[in-house]
Every structure is written in C-alpha cells, then in structure tokens.
Protein backbone atom coordinates (compact mmCIF):
# COMPACT_ATOMS: atom_id res chain seq x y z
CA MET A 1 109.27 113.69 73.26
CA THR A 2 107.71 110.72 74.96
CA THR A 3 107.32 109.87 78.62
CA ARG A 4 110.24 107.46 78.24
CA ALA A 5 112.46 110.54 78.15
CA PHE A 6 111.26 111.33 81.68
CA GLY A 7 112.67 108.03 83.00
CA PHE A 8 109.47 106.04 82.82
CA SER A 9 111.05 103.14 80.95
CA TYR A 10 112.10 101.26 84.09
CA PHE A 11 108.89 102.27 85.84
CA ALA A 12 106.82 100.96 82.94
CA ARG A 13 108.69 97.67 82.82
CA VAL A 14 108.25 97.05 86.56
CA LEU A 15 104.61 98.07 86.44
CA GLY A 16 104.10 95.78 83.45
CA TYR A 17 105.38 92.82 85.47
CA VAL A 18 103.31 93.85 88.48
CA SER A 19 100.15 94.06 86.36
CA ALA A 20 100.88 90.65 84.80
CA LEU A 21 100.87 88.92 88.20
CA PRO A 22 97.13 89.32 88.90
CA LEU A 23 96.37 88.19 85.35
CA ALA A 24 98.47 85.08 85.85
CA LEU A 25 96.69 84.45 89.15
CA ILE A 26 93.31 84.75 87.41
CA VAL A 27 94.33 82.23 84.75
CA VAL A 28 95.74 79.70 87.22
CA LEU A 29 92.91 80.06 89.70
CA THR A 30 90.19 79.84 87.04
CA PHE A 31 91.76 76.72 85.55
CA SER A 32 92.21 75.13 88.98
CA ASP A 33 88.69 76.00 90.05
CA VAL A 34 87.12 74.55 86.91
CA PHE A 35 89.34 71.46 87.11
CA ALA A 36 88.48 70.89 90.78
CA ARG A 37 84.79 71.44 90.11
CA TYR A 38 84.57 68.91 87.28
CA VAL A 39 87.06 66.29 88.46
CA PHE A 40 86.47 66.35 92.22
CA ALA A 41 83.01 67.99 92.29
CA HIS A 42 84.46 70.50 94.75
CA PRO A 43 85.26 74.07 93.61
CA ILE A 44 87.89 76.18 95.32
CA PRO A 45 86.19 78.13 98.14
CA GLY A 46 86.34 81.89 97.57
CA ALA A 47 87.82 81.60 94.09
CA SER A 48 85.41 84.20 92.71
CA GLU A 49 86.40 86.68 95.43
CA ILE A 50 90.10 86.22 94.73
CA ILE A 51 89.46 86.59 91.00
CA GLN A 52 87.50 89.81 91.62
CA PHE A 53 90.36 91.25 93.69
CA ALA A 54 92.91 90.17 91.08
CA MET A 55 90.84 91.70 88.28
CA ALA A 56 90.68 95.02 90.10
CA MET A 57 94.45 94.95 90.63
CA ALA A 58 95.11 93.98 87.01
CA ILE A 59 93.05 96.93 85.80
CA PHE A 60 94.43 99.55 88.15
CA THR A 61 98.08 98.46 87.98
CA ALA A 62 97.86 98.73 84.19
CA LEU A 63 96.11 102.13 84.29
CA PRO A 64 99.36 104.18 84.48
CA LEU A 65 100.75 102.16 81.56
CA VAL A 66 97.67 102.81 79.45
CA THR A 67 97.86 106.50 80.33
CA GLN A 68 101.56 106.63 79.47
CA ALA A 69 100.96 104.97 76.11
CA GLY A 70 98.07 107.30 75.31
CA GLY A 71 95.83 104.26 75.15
CA HIS A 72 92.66 105.84 76.47
CA ILE A 73 89.80 106.05 74.02
CA THR A 74 89.95 109.19 71.91
CA VAL A 75 88.00 110.35 68.88
CA ASP A 76 90.11 111.94 66.17
CA LEU A 77 87.55 112.70 63.49
CA PHE A 78 88.90 116.13 62.74
CA THR A 79 92.67 115.68 63.06
CA SER A 80 93.57 113.84 59.84
CA GLY A 81 94.48 116.98 57.91
CA VAL A 82 95.60 119.07 60.87
CA SER A 83 99.18 120.21 61.47
CA ASN A 84 101.28 118.75 64.29
CA ARG A 85 101.05 122.03 66.21
CA ARG A 86 97.25 121.99 66.13
CA LYS A 87 97.18 118.33 67.12
CA ALA A 88 99.28 119.25 70.14
CA CYS A 89 96.91 122.14 70.88
CA LEU A 90 94.01 119.66 70.86
CA GLN A 91 95.94 117.15 72.93
CA VAL A 92 96.52 119.54 75.86
CA PRO A 93 92.84 119.81 76.88
CA ALA A 94 92.37 116.08 76.24
CA GLU A 95 95.25 115.24 78.59
CA LEU A 96 93.98 117.75 81.17
CA LEU A 97 90.50 116.23 81.03
CA SER A 98 91.99 112.76 81.40
CA GLY A 99 94.01 113.91 84.40
CA VAL A 100 90.98 115.49 86.05
CA ALA A 101 88.88 112.36 85.50
CA LEU A 102 91.64 110.17 86.94
CA ALA A 103 92.01 112.53 89.91
CA VAL A 104 88.29 112.26 90.66
CA ILE A 105 88.54 108.47 90.46
CA ALA A 106 91.55 108.46 92.80
CA TRP A 107 89.81 110.77 95.27
CA ARG A 108 86.56 108.80 95.33
CA LEU A 109 88.39 105.49 95.70
CA TRP A 110 90.35 106.94 98.63
CA VAL A 111 87.10 108.07 100.28
CA GLN A 112 85.54 104.66 99.63
CA ALA A 113 88.60 102.92 101.09
CA GLY A 114 88.26 105.03 104.23
CA GLU A 115 84.64 103.97 104.55
CA TYR A 116 85.63 100.33 104.06
CA ALA A 117 88.29 100.68 106.74
CA GLY A 118 85.92 102.40 109.14
CA ASN A 119 83.24 99.77 108.67
CA ASN A 120 85.66 96.82 108.48
CA THR A 121 84.05 95.84 105.20
CA ALA A 122 85.17 92.40 104.07
CA THR A 123 84.23 89.79 101.51
CA ILE A 124 81.60 87.22 102.39
CA VAL A 125 83.40 83.90 101.92
CA LEU A 126 87.07 84.58 102.69
CA ASP A 127 86.55 87.62 104.93
CA LEU A 128 89.16 89.61 102.96
CA ASN A 129 89.36 93.23 104.06
CA MET A 130 88.37 95.46 101.14
CA ALA A 131 90.06 98.66 102.32
CA PRO A 132 93.62 97.74 101.21
CA LEU A 133 92.36 96.93 97.73
CA ALA A 134 90.51 100.25 97.45
CA TYR A 135 93.57 102.15 98.76
CA ALA A 136 95.80 100.40 96.20
CA MET A 137 93.36 101.23 93.40
CA SER A 138 93.35 104.86 94.54
CA ILE A 139 97.15 105.02 94.59
CA PHE A 140 97.46 103.58 91.08
CA SER A 141 94.86 106.09 89.90
CA ALA A 142 96.92 108.88 91.48
CA VAL A 143 100.04 107.62 89.70
CA SER A 144 98.02 107.80 86.48
CA VAL A 145 97.21 111.44 87.28
CA VAL A 146 100.94 112.18 87.47
CA VAL A 147 101.51 110.39 84.15
CA ALA A 148 98.67 112.39 82.57
CA GLY A 149 100.34 115.54 83.90
CA VAL A 150 103.62 114.56 82.27
CA ARG A 151 101.80 113.91 79.00
CA THR A 152 100.16 117.35 79.29
CA ILE A 153 103.58 118.96 79.71
CA GLU A 154 104.87 117.01 76.70
CA ALA A 155 101.94 118.24 74.60
CA MET A 156 102.62 121.82 75.71
CA ARG A 157 106.26 121.45 74.72
CA ALA A 158 105.16 120.07 71.36
CA ILE A 159 103.21 123.27 70.78
CA ALA A 160 106.45 125.20 71.15
CA THR A 161 108.31 122.72 68.91
CA PRO A 162 105.67 121.41 66.49
CA THR A 163 107.91 118.81 64.86
CA GLU A 164 107.07 116.29 67.55
CA VAL A 165 103.59 115.38 68.80
CA PRO A 166 103.27 112.82 71.60
CA GLN A 167 101.09 109.85 70.74
C-alpha cells in the first residue's frame, strides 16, 4: 500500500505545482538580474533576498512530497537479502525517526517564527517580514510529519501482510 491509497494523489499534484512556482521565480529572477546587471549595469534591487525566500519555499513545499515518496536518505546495507516482512520491521523505526526529526524541525521553526514576529525581523534591502516565511516553513514541516506518520502506519500494515513493503 502506498500513500496514494490514502488520497494523497491530488494533494501531491497540487503541492508539486506549488513547489514549482518558487523554482520558476528563482530561474526568472536570476536570469533577469544577470541580464540587467550586464546589459544595463544595474542589478535588480533585493533579488538575492527574493531568491533566498523562494529557495526556502521551494525546499519546504517539496518536503512533504519527498517524505511521501520515501526520498529521504537511507542506508540499506543489510537489507538486500532480507524478507519483505523484515524490511517493513526495519522501516517502522526509520519512519518514526524521520517523523520525530521533522516534528523537531517544525517546532523549532514555529518558535523562530514567533521570535521573528515579536522582533519584527525583516530583510535588509526590501524590508520583507521574515515571520510569515518561517511560519510557512513550519507548517510544511508539520505536514511532512503527518505524511511520515502515514508511512509508519503503512509499514506497520506491511508487517501484518508481508507481501507489500512501502518504498
């Protein structure tokens, strides 16, 4: 069973489009900034700040998709000759550890966003408030925690029915 069975197909498609937007912005803005710098000798003011915000959004909007696909780095040195049931038994603690790590990231980002909001922390050139970005990153991390939880449940079900091991 995969997370698509839980109705994540539409969610994944929408999130894929959402995560593509900041990447497209980075490409267009980088090209425009370089073009303006070399042709007009005048770069776009604050381009680096916008690119930094877009990069953060690209990473954290894609985080639930990476979690859903099982795309986090794993080491499988000892699983080549192991049965599907044992692979599922090994996957449960790996998914739990991933979920805990993502939960810590979400929590710390939320705390950091609160500090940004309390201090009115903003970027230097464009004076962009940093709190909304940190809150958004925290929310996407929390969504990834839920996805990791679903993957943990799938792995536990695979232990009961060893013919299918989530990837």
